[in-house]
N, C-alpha and C. Protein backbone atom coordinates (compact mmCIF):
# COMPACT_ATOMS: atom_id res chain seq x y z
N UNK A 1 181.62 14.15 -110.90
CA UNK A 1 182.15 12.72 -110.28
C UNK A 1 182.82 12.39 -110.45
N UNK A 2 182.96 11.31 -109.15
CA UNK A 2 184.37 10.45 -108.84
C UNK A 2 183.45 8.75 -109.32
N UNK A 3 184.03 7.83 -110.24
CA UNK A 3 183.73 6.79 -110.33
C UNK A 3 185.41 6.18 -109.68
N UNK A 4 185.09 5.23 -108.84
CA UNK A 4 185.81 4.36 -108.80
C UNK A 4 186.28 3.21 -109.59
N UNK A 5 185.13 2.66 -110.13
CA UNK A 5 185.17 1.94 -111.23
C UNK A 5 185.64 2.05 -112.87
N UNK A 6 185.57 2.94 -112.76
CA UNK A 6 186.62 3.56 -114.39
C UNK A 6 188.01 3.04 -114.67
N UNK A 7 188.45 2.53 -114.91
CA UNK A 7 190.05 2.01 -114.73
C UNK A 7 190.70 3.17 -115.36
N UNK A 8 190.42 4.15 -116.85
CA UNK A 8 190.82 5.41 -116.85
C UNK A 8 189.77 6.43 -116.42
N UNK A 9 190.62 7.24 -116.12
CA UNK A 9 189.52 8.91 -115.67
C UNK A 9 188.73 8.79 -115.03
N UNK A 10 188.62 8.68 -114.01
CA UNK A 10 187.71 8.31 -112.44
C UNK A 10 186.85 9.84 -111.88
N UNK A 11 188.01 11.12 -112.72
CA UNK A 11 187.29 12.03 -112.53
C UNK A 11 186.24 12.06 -113.95
N UNK A 12 185.29 12.61 -113.61
CA UNK A 12 184.62 13.64 -115.44
C UNK A 12 183.36 13.89 -114.77
N UNK A 13 182.80 14.39 -116.06
CA UNK A 13 181.77 15.00 -116.07
C UNK A 13 180.01 14.45 -116.41
N UNK A 14 179.54 14.34 -115.85
CA UNK A 14 177.95 13.84 -115.70
C UNK A 14 177.09 14.42 -116.81
N UNK A 15 176.98 14.01 -118.22
CA UNK A 15 176.01 14.67 -119.07
C UNK A 15 175.09 13.40 -119.08
N UNK A 16 173.71 14.00 -119.33
CA UNK A 16 172.65 12.94 -119.85
C UNK A 16 172.00 13.91 -121.34
N UNK A 17 172.27 12.42 -122.20
CA UNK A 17 171.31 13.68 -123.24
C UNK A 17 170.73 12.47 -123.74
N UNK A 18 169.60 12.72 -124.41
CA UNK A 18 168.72 11.78 -125.78
C UNK A 18 168.85 12.63 -126.83
N UNK A 19 169.26 11.11 -127.59
CA UNK A 19 168.93 11.71 -129.17
C UNK A 19 167.85 10.05 -129.95
N UNK A 20 167.95 11.01 -131.01
CA UNK A 20 166.71 10.20 -131.32
C UNK A 20 167.19 10.14 -133.13
N UNK A 21 167.49 9.06 -134.59
CA UNK A 21 167.61 8.93 -135.15
C UNK A 21 166.42 9.49 -136.92
N UNK A 22 165.64 9.36 -136.08
CA UNK A 22 164.26 9.44 -136.74
C UNK A 22 163.35 11.17 -136.54
N UNK A 23 163.51 11.52 -135.18
CA UNK A 23 162.22 12.54 -135.40
C UNK A 23 163.95 13.75 -134.70
N UNK A 24 163.35 15.07 -134.25
CA UNK A 24 163.73 15.66 -133.87
C UNK A 24 164.06 15.36 -132.52
N UNK A 25 164.13 14.45 -131.93
CA UNK A 25 164.03 14.66 -130.08
C UNK A 25 164.84 14.79 -129.58
N UNK A 26 165.91 15.59 -129.57
CA UNK A 26 167.19 15.14 -128.68
C UNK A 26 166.91 16.86 -127.93
N UNK A 27 168.17 16.96 -127.04
CA UNK A 27 168.30 17.24 -125.42
C UNK A 27 169.06 16.90 -124.67
N UNK A 28 169.35 18.19 -123.50
CA UNK A 28 170.88 17.47 -122.61
C UNK A 28 168.94 17.90 -121.41
N UNK A 29 169.39 16.94 -120.49
CA UNK A 29 168.77 17.52 -118.89
C UNK A 29 169.29 18.05 -118.09
N UNK A 30 168.41 19.15 -117.85
CA UNK A 30 169.13 20.51 -117.09
C UNK A 30 168.66 20.67 -115.70
N UNK A 31 169.79 21.53 -115.02
CA UNK A 31 169.25 20.82 -113.47
C UNK A 31 168.38 21.38 -113.38
N UNK A 32 167.17 22.08 -113.52
CA UNK A 32 165.64 22.65 -113.33
C UNK A 32 165.02 21.82 -113.28
N UNK A 33 165.14 20.93 -114.57
CA UNK A 33 164.66 19.43 -115.31
C UNK A 33 165.00 18.20 -114.06
N UNK A 34 165.82 17.91 -113.51
CA UNK A 34 166.44 17.15 -112.17
C UNK A 34 165.73 17.82 -111.33
N UNK A 35 165.93 18.66 -111.11
CA UNK A 35 165.04 18.96 -109.49
C UNK A 35 163.18 19.12 -110.02
N UNK A 36 162.70 18.71 -110.76
CA UNK A 36 161.67 18.89 -111.23
C UNK A 36 161.08 16.98 -110.88
N UNK A 37 161.32 16.62 -109.89
CA UNK A 37 161.04 15.09 -110.79
C UNK A 37 159.85 15.12 -110.14
N UNK A 38 159.02 13.68 -110.97
CA UNK A 38 157.93 13.52 -110.11
C UNK A 38 157.76 13.04 -109.33
N UNK A 39 156.71 12.30 -108.75
CA UNK A 39 156.46 11.49 -107.38
C UNK A 39 156.93 9.57 -107.39
N UNK A 40 156.23 9.38 -108.62
CA UNK A 40 156.70 8.22 -109.00
C UNK A 40 158.21 7.96 -109.33
N UNK A 41 158.71 8.88 -110.14
CA UNK A 41 160.28 8.30 -110.20
C UNK A 41 161.33 8.25 -108.67
N UNK A 42 160.43 8.57 -107.49
CA UNK A 42 161.08 8.75 -106.11
C UNK A 42 161.32 6.99 -105.56
N UNK A 43 160.48 6.16 -106.17
CA UNK A 43 160.46 4.85 -105.48
C UNK A 43 161.29 4.28 -106.17
N UNK A 44 161.84 4.75 -107.04
CA UNK A 44 163.35 3.64 -108.03
C UNK A 44 164.76 4.42 -107.32
N UNK A 45 165.78 3.85 -108.02
CA UNK A 45 167.05 3.80 -107.66
C UNK A 45 167.61 5.33 -108.68
N UNK A 46 168.58 5.79 -108.02
CA UNK A 46 169.23 6.67 -108.46
C UNK A 46 169.59 6.65 -110.32
N UNK A 47 170.07 5.31 -110.43
CA UNK A 47 170.51 5.07 -112.20
C UNK A 47 169.44 5.52 -113.10
N UNK A 48 168.29 4.35 -112.04
CA UNK A 48 167.18 4.37 -113.27
C UNK A 48 166.29 5.79 -113.02
N UNK A 49 165.98 6.53 -112.02
CA UNK A 49 165.78 7.74 -111.70
C UNK A 49 166.96 8.62 -113.66
N UNK A 50 167.55 8.40 -113.82
CA UNK A 50 168.29 9.54 -114.89
C UNK A 50 167.82 8.95 -116.02
N UNK A 51 167.68 7.32 -116.26
CA UNK A 51 167.51 6.66 -117.18
C UNK A 51 165.65 7.34 -117.93
N UNK A 52 164.86 6.90 -116.83
CA UNK A 52 164.02 8.22 -117.07
C UNK A 52 163.91 9.11 -117.17
N UNK A 53 164.51 10.24 -116.44
CA UNK A 53 164.36 11.55 -116.73
C UNK A 53 164.95 11.60 -118.43
N UNK A 54 165.70 11.08 -118.26
CA UNK A 54 166.54 11.62 -119.71
C UNK A 54 165.52 10.90 -121.55
N UNK A 55 164.87 9.92 -121.13
CA UNK A 55 164.03 8.96 -122.02
C UNK A 55 162.51 9.71 -121.92
N UNK A 56 161.75 10.38 -121.02
CA UNK A 56 161.24 10.98 -120.87
C UNK A 56 159.97 11.71 -121.56
N UNK A 57 160.83 12.29 -122.67
CA UNK A 57 160.14 12.79 -123.98
C UNK A 57 159.53 11.98 -125.11
N UNK A 58 159.97 10.93 -124.77
CA UNK A 58 160.30 9.73 -126.03
C UNK A 58 158.86 8.58 -125.09
N UNK A 59 158.07 8.75 -124.22
CA UNK A 59 157.10 7.90 -123.27
C UNK A 59 156.13 7.89 -123.87
N UNK A 60 155.92 6.69 -124.18
CA UNK A 60 153.85 6.14 -125.37
C UNK A 60 155.54 6.28 -126.98
N UNK A 61 156.10 6.24 -127.37
CA UNK A 61 156.11 6.42 -128.72
C UNK A 61 156.73 4.78 -128.91
N UNK A 62 156.73 4.03 -128.24
CA UNK A 62 157.25 2.90 -128.56
C UNK A 62 158.40 1.76 -128.77
N UNK A 63 159.27 3.30 -129.18
CA UNK A 63 161.18 3.24 -129.37
C UNK A 63 161.85 2.18 -128.67
N UNK A 64 162.95 2.26 -129.13
CA UNK A 64 163.50 1.02 -128.41
C UNK A 64 164.60 1.69 -127.83
N UNK A 65 165.16 2.13 -126.79
CA UNK A 65 166.71 2.17 -125.87
C UNK A 65 167.10 1.81 -125.66
N UNK A 66 168.60 1.74 -126.33
CA UNK A 66 169.42 0.81 -125.88
C UNK A 66 170.37 1.04 -124.71
N UNK A 67 171.24 0.67 -124.38
CA UNK A 67 172.49 0.80 -123.28
C UNK A 67 172.88 -0.35 -122.77
N UNK A 68 173.86 0.45 -121.91
CA UNK A 68 174.79 -0.86 -121.42
C UNK A 68 175.19 -1.13 -119.83
N UNK A 69 175.92 -2.09 -119.34
CA UNK A 69 175.39 -2.53 -118.41
C UNK A 69 175.05 -1.44 -117.01
N UNK A 70 175.71 -0.35 -116.57
CA UNK A 70 176.10 0.75 -115.64
C UNK A 70 174.72 1.10 -115.33
N UNK A 71 173.40 1.16 -116.87
CA UNK A 71 172.31 1.32 -116.45
C UNK A 71 171.02 0.22 -116.43
N UNK A 72 171.50 -1.01 -117.86
CA UNK A 72 170.60 -1.53 -117.92
C UNK A 72 170.30 -2.64 -116.52
N UNK A 73 169.40 -2.79 -115.98
CA UNK A 73 168.46 -4.00 -115.39
C UNK A 73 167.45 -4.17 -115.16
N UNK A 74 167.51 -5.74 -114.84
CA UNK A 74 165.53 -5.82 -115.05
C UNK A 74 164.47 -5.32 -114.86
N UNK A 75 164.74 -4.51 -113.74
CA UNK A 75 163.68 -3.53 -113.06
C UNK A 75 163.55 -2.42 -114.08
N UNK A 76 164.61 -1.77 -114.61
CA UNK A 76 164.62 -0.40 -115.66
C UNK A 76 163.58 -0.84 -116.74
N UNK A 77 164.47 -1.83 -117.84
CA UNK A 77 163.18 -2.93 -118.86
C UNK A 77 161.78 -2.90 -118.48
N UNK A 78 161.80 -2.71 -116.89
CA UNK A 78 160.19 -3.61 -116.81
C UNK A 78 159.69 -1.12 -116.80
N UNK A 79 160.24 -0.71 -116.09
CA UNK A 79 159.62 0.79 -115.88
C UNK A 79 159.15 0.94 -117.34
N UNK A 80 160.57 0.98 -117.98
CA UNK A 80 160.53 1.90 -119.50
C UNK A 80 159.22 1.14 -120.26
N UNK A 81 158.97 -0.42 -120.51
CA UNK A 81 157.77 -1.22 -121.02
C UNK A 81 156.23 -0.61 -120.66
N UNK A 82 156.63 -0.16 -119.21
CA UNK A 82 155.27 0.77 -118.53
C UNK A 82 155.22 1.85 -119.23
N UNK A 83 156.18 2.84 -119.79
CA UNK A 83 155.94 3.51 -120.23
C UNK A 83 156.11 3.97 -121.76
N UNK A 84 155.77 2.80 -121.65
CA UNK A 84 155.35 2.76 -123.98
C UNK A 84 156.85 2.63 -124.14
N UNK A 85 157.98 2.39 -123.62
CA UNK A 85 158.89 2.30 -124.58
C UNK A 85 159.57 0.65 -124.42
N UNK A 86 160.10 0.22 -125.42
CA UNK A 86 161.09 -1.07 -125.78
C UNK A 86 162.61 -1.05 -124.49
N UNK A 87 163.20 -1.65 -124.64
CA UNK A 87 164.67 -1.80 -124.46
C UNK A 87 165.31 -2.56 -124.07
N UNK A 88 166.85 -2.99 -124.63
CA UNK A 88 167.86 -3.81 -124.46
C UNK A 88 169.59 -3.13 -124.04
N UNK A 89 169.47 -4.30 -123.13
CA UNK A 89 170.67 -4.14 -122.91
C UNK A 89 171.73 -4.85 -122.71
N UNK A 90 172.93 -4.93 -122.19
CA UNK A 90 173.60 -5.64 -121.50
C UNK A 90 173.89 -5.59 -120.12
N UNK A 91 173.54 -7.00 -119.06
CA UNK A 91 173.31 -6.57 -117.90
C UNK A 91 174.33 -7.60 -117.30
N UNK A 92 175.27 -6.62 -115.92
CA UNK A 92 176.07 -7.36 -115.28
C UNK A 92 175.58 -8.96 -114.82
N UNK A 93 176.48 -9.94 -114.92
CA UNK A 93 176.24 -10.99 -114.26
C UNK A 93 175.58 -11.41 -112.69
N UNK A 94 175.71 -10.58 -111.66
CA UNK A 94 175.20 -10.53 -110.44
C UNK A 94 173.76 -9.83 -110.57
N UNK A 95 173.16 -9.44 -111.88
CA UNK A 95 172.23 -8.43 -111.82
C UNK A 95 170.91 -8.91 -110.68
N UNK A 96 170.51 -8.44 -109.84
CA UNK A 96 169.75 -9.57 -108.84
C UNK A 96 168.50 -9.98 -109.64
N UNK A 97 167.79 -9.46 -110.38
CA UNK A 97 166.66 -10.67 -111.20
C UNK A 97 166.40 -10.99 -112.39
N UNK A 98 167.77 -10.85 -113.67
CA UNK A 98 168.49 -11.93 -114.47
C UNK A 98 168.22 -13.62 -114.38
N UNK A 99 167.70 -13.51 -115.43
CA UNK A 99 167.22 -15.19 -114.67
C UNK A 99 168.63 -16.40 -114.56
N UNK A 100 168.86 -16.97 -113.52
CA UNK A 100 169.95 -17.82 -113.93
C UNK A 100 170.11 -18.47 -114.53
N UNK A 101 168.86 -19.32 -115.15
CA UNK A 101 168.81 -20.40 -115.75
C UNK A 101 168.96 -19.77 -117.23
N UNK A 102 169.34 -18.66 -117.72
CA UNK A 102 169.47 -17.95 -118.88
C UNK A 102 171.05 -17.55 -119.25
N UNK A 103 171.70 -18.63 -117.71
CA UNK A 103 173.35 -17.71 -117.72
C UNK A 103 174.16 -18.96 -118.20
N UNK A 104 175.46 -18.52 -118.91
CA UNK A 104 176.35 -19.46 -118.63
C UNK A 104 177.23 -19.27 -117.31
N UNK A 105 177.65 -20.14 -117.27
CA UNK A 105 178.77 -19.77 -115.66
C UNK A 105 179.87 -19.77 -115.75
N UNK A 106 180.76 -18.81 -115.64
CA UNK A 106 182.31 -18.37 -115.42
C UNK A 106 183.15 -20.07 -115.24
N UNK A 107 182.24 -20.49 -114.31
CA UNK A 107 182.93 -21.68 -113.78
C UNK A 107 183.20 -22.92 -114.73
N UNK A 108 182.12 -22.97 -115.88
CA UNK A 108 182.11 -23.95 -116.53
C UNK A 108 182.61 -23.31 -117.74
N UNK A 109 183.65 -24.03 -118.37
CA UNK A 109 184.45 -23.87 -119.49
C UNK A 109 183.55 -23.84 -120.90
N UNK A 110 183.39 -22.55 -121.70
CA UNK A 110 182.26 -22.76 -122.88
C UNK A 110 183.31 -22.37 -123.79
N UNK A 111 182.68 -22.54 -124.73
CA UNK A 111 183.43 -22.60 -126.22
C UNK A 111 182.81 -21.22 -126.89
N UNK A 112 183.65 -20.75 -127.87
CA UNK A 112 183.35 -19.56 -128.35
C UNK A 112 182.28 -19.80 -129.02
N UNK A 113 180.93 -19.41 -129.49
CA UNK A 113 179.68 -18.66 -130.07
C UNK A 113 178.85 -19.66 -129.37
N UNK A 114 178.93 -20.03 -127.91
CA UNK A 114 177.91 -21.27 -127.06
C UNK A 114 176.87 -20.12 -126.39
N UNK A 115 175.75 -20.77 -126.29
CA UNK A 115 174.52 -19.22 -125.60
C UNK A 115 173.78 -20.33 -125.07
N UNK A 116 173.08 -19.85 -124.30
CA UNK A 116 171.77 -20.21 -123.52
C UNK A 116 170.83 -19.14 -123.72
N UNK A 117 169.54 -18.85 -123.44
CA UNK A 117 168.74 -18.33 -123.92
C UNK A 117 167.78 -18.89 -123.35
N UNK A 118 166.35 -17.92 -122.50
CA UNK A 118 165.62 -17.81 -122.02
C UNK A 118 163.86 -16.52 -122.13
N UNK A 119 162.75 -17.42 -122.46
CA UNK A 119 161.71 -16.35 -123.10
C UNK A 119 160.99 -16.64 -121.94
N UNK A 120 160.50 -15.14 -121.03
CA UNK A 120 159.44 -15.10 -120.33
C UNK A 120 158.09 -14.23 -121.08
N UNK A 121 157.76 -15.69 -121.20
CA UNK A 121 155.36 -15.20 -121.74
C UNK A 121 155.57 -14.25 -121.01
N UNK A 122 155.02 -14.19 -120.08
CA UNK A 122 154.53 -13.60 -118.88
C UNK A 122 155.27 -11.95 -118.51
N UNK A 123 156.03 -12.08 -118.63
CA UNK A 123 157.09 -10.60 -118.17
C UNK A 123 157.43 -10.35 -119.33
N UNK A 124 156.96 -10.53 -120.63
CA UNK A 124 156.82 -10.63 -121.90
C UNK A 124 158.75 -9.93 -122.13
N UNK A 125 159.86 -10.80 -121.45
CA UNK A 125 160.96 -10.46 -121.82
C UNK A 125 162.22 -11.92 -122.95
N UNK A 126 163.25 -11.16 -123.18
CA UNK A 126 163.78 -12.11 -123.84
C UNK A 126 165.45 -12.13 -123.03
N UNK A 127 165.53 -13.16 -122.32
CA UNK A 127 167.00 -13.45 -121.89
C UNK A 127 168.36 -14.16 -122.33
N UNK A 128 169.71 -13.35 -122.60
CA UNK A 128 170.35 -14.46 -123.44
C UNK A 128 171.79 -13.76 -122.64
N UNK A 129 172.79 -15.42 -123.05
CA UNK A 129 173.69 -15.58 -122.51
C UNK A 129 174.48 -16.02 -123.62
N UNK A 130 175.60 -15.32 -124.06
CA UNK A 130 176.59 -16.10 -124.94
C UNK A 130 177.89 -15.87 -124.53
N UNK A 131 179.18 -16.83 -125.46
CA UNK A 131 180.58 -16.95 -125.24
C UNK A 131 181.23 -16.38 -126.33
N UNK A 132 181.90 -15.12 -126.54
CA UNK A 132 182.70 -14.91 -127.68
C UNK A 132 184.26 -14.78 -127.19
N UNK A 133 184.91 -15.39 -125.87
CA UNK A 133 185.58 -15.39 -125.83
C UNK A 133 185.48 -15.20 -124.09
N UNK A 134 184.32 -14.19 -123.94
CA UNK A 134 183.98 -13.70 -122.33
C UNK A 134 182.52 -13.62 -122.45
N UNK A 135 182.14 -14.28 -121.25
CA UNK A 135 180.71 -14.42 -121.27
C UNK A 135 180.27 -13.13 -121.28
N UNK A 136 178.93 -12.87 -121.88
CA UNK A 136 178.61 -11.71 -122.10
C UNK A 136 176.67 -12.05 -121.82
N UNK A 137 176.09 -11.10 -121.20
CA UNK A 137 174.58 -11.85 -121.09
C UNK A 137 173.78 -10.18 -121.31
N UNK A 138 172.35 -10.43 -122.27
CA UNK A 138 171.97 -9.92 -122.68
C UNK A 138 169.75 -9.76 -122.12
N UNK A 139 169.42 -9.29 -121.95
CA UNK A 139 168.23 -9.04 -121.55
C UNK A 139 166.95 -7.78 -122.50
N UNK A 140 165.61 -8.77 -123.08
CA UNK A 140 165.23 -7.39 -123.98
C UNK A 140 164.03 -7.83 -123.25
N UNK A 141 163.20 -6.18 -123.39
CA UNK A 141 161.53 -6.10 -123.30
C UNK A 141 161.18 -6.06 -124.69
N UNK A 142 160.04 -7.18 -125.05
CA UNK A 142 159.51 -7.57 -126.47
C UNK A 142 157.95 -7.33 -126.28
């Protein structure tokens, strides 16, 4: 697979793995499982499809799925919550549905340790943005 956004190693293998530290749940998603997607996954983005495929064995277990900003989106967090999973992950600053009022702006000078957060009781979500030299944003379903 070719990924032009990677600074080193633009060509790489694409391998999806799920591992759990408290149970025997582990495995690699094979090509036959990828081909057997259910209709519910047809309406979501490709990246969200991959994440939902990988964590399918964990549906309904109330586990926490952690991810980086390549995979994480507000829509994915909502989809995982509907499947009985919690999720936490860093979110890109240009993420479509991330609450803007919880974000620190790059144009503003922020000092190390400065933070801003928002809680949505309706969406059952916490969003935070903090500065540790650069601005970071994270979203979590609760």
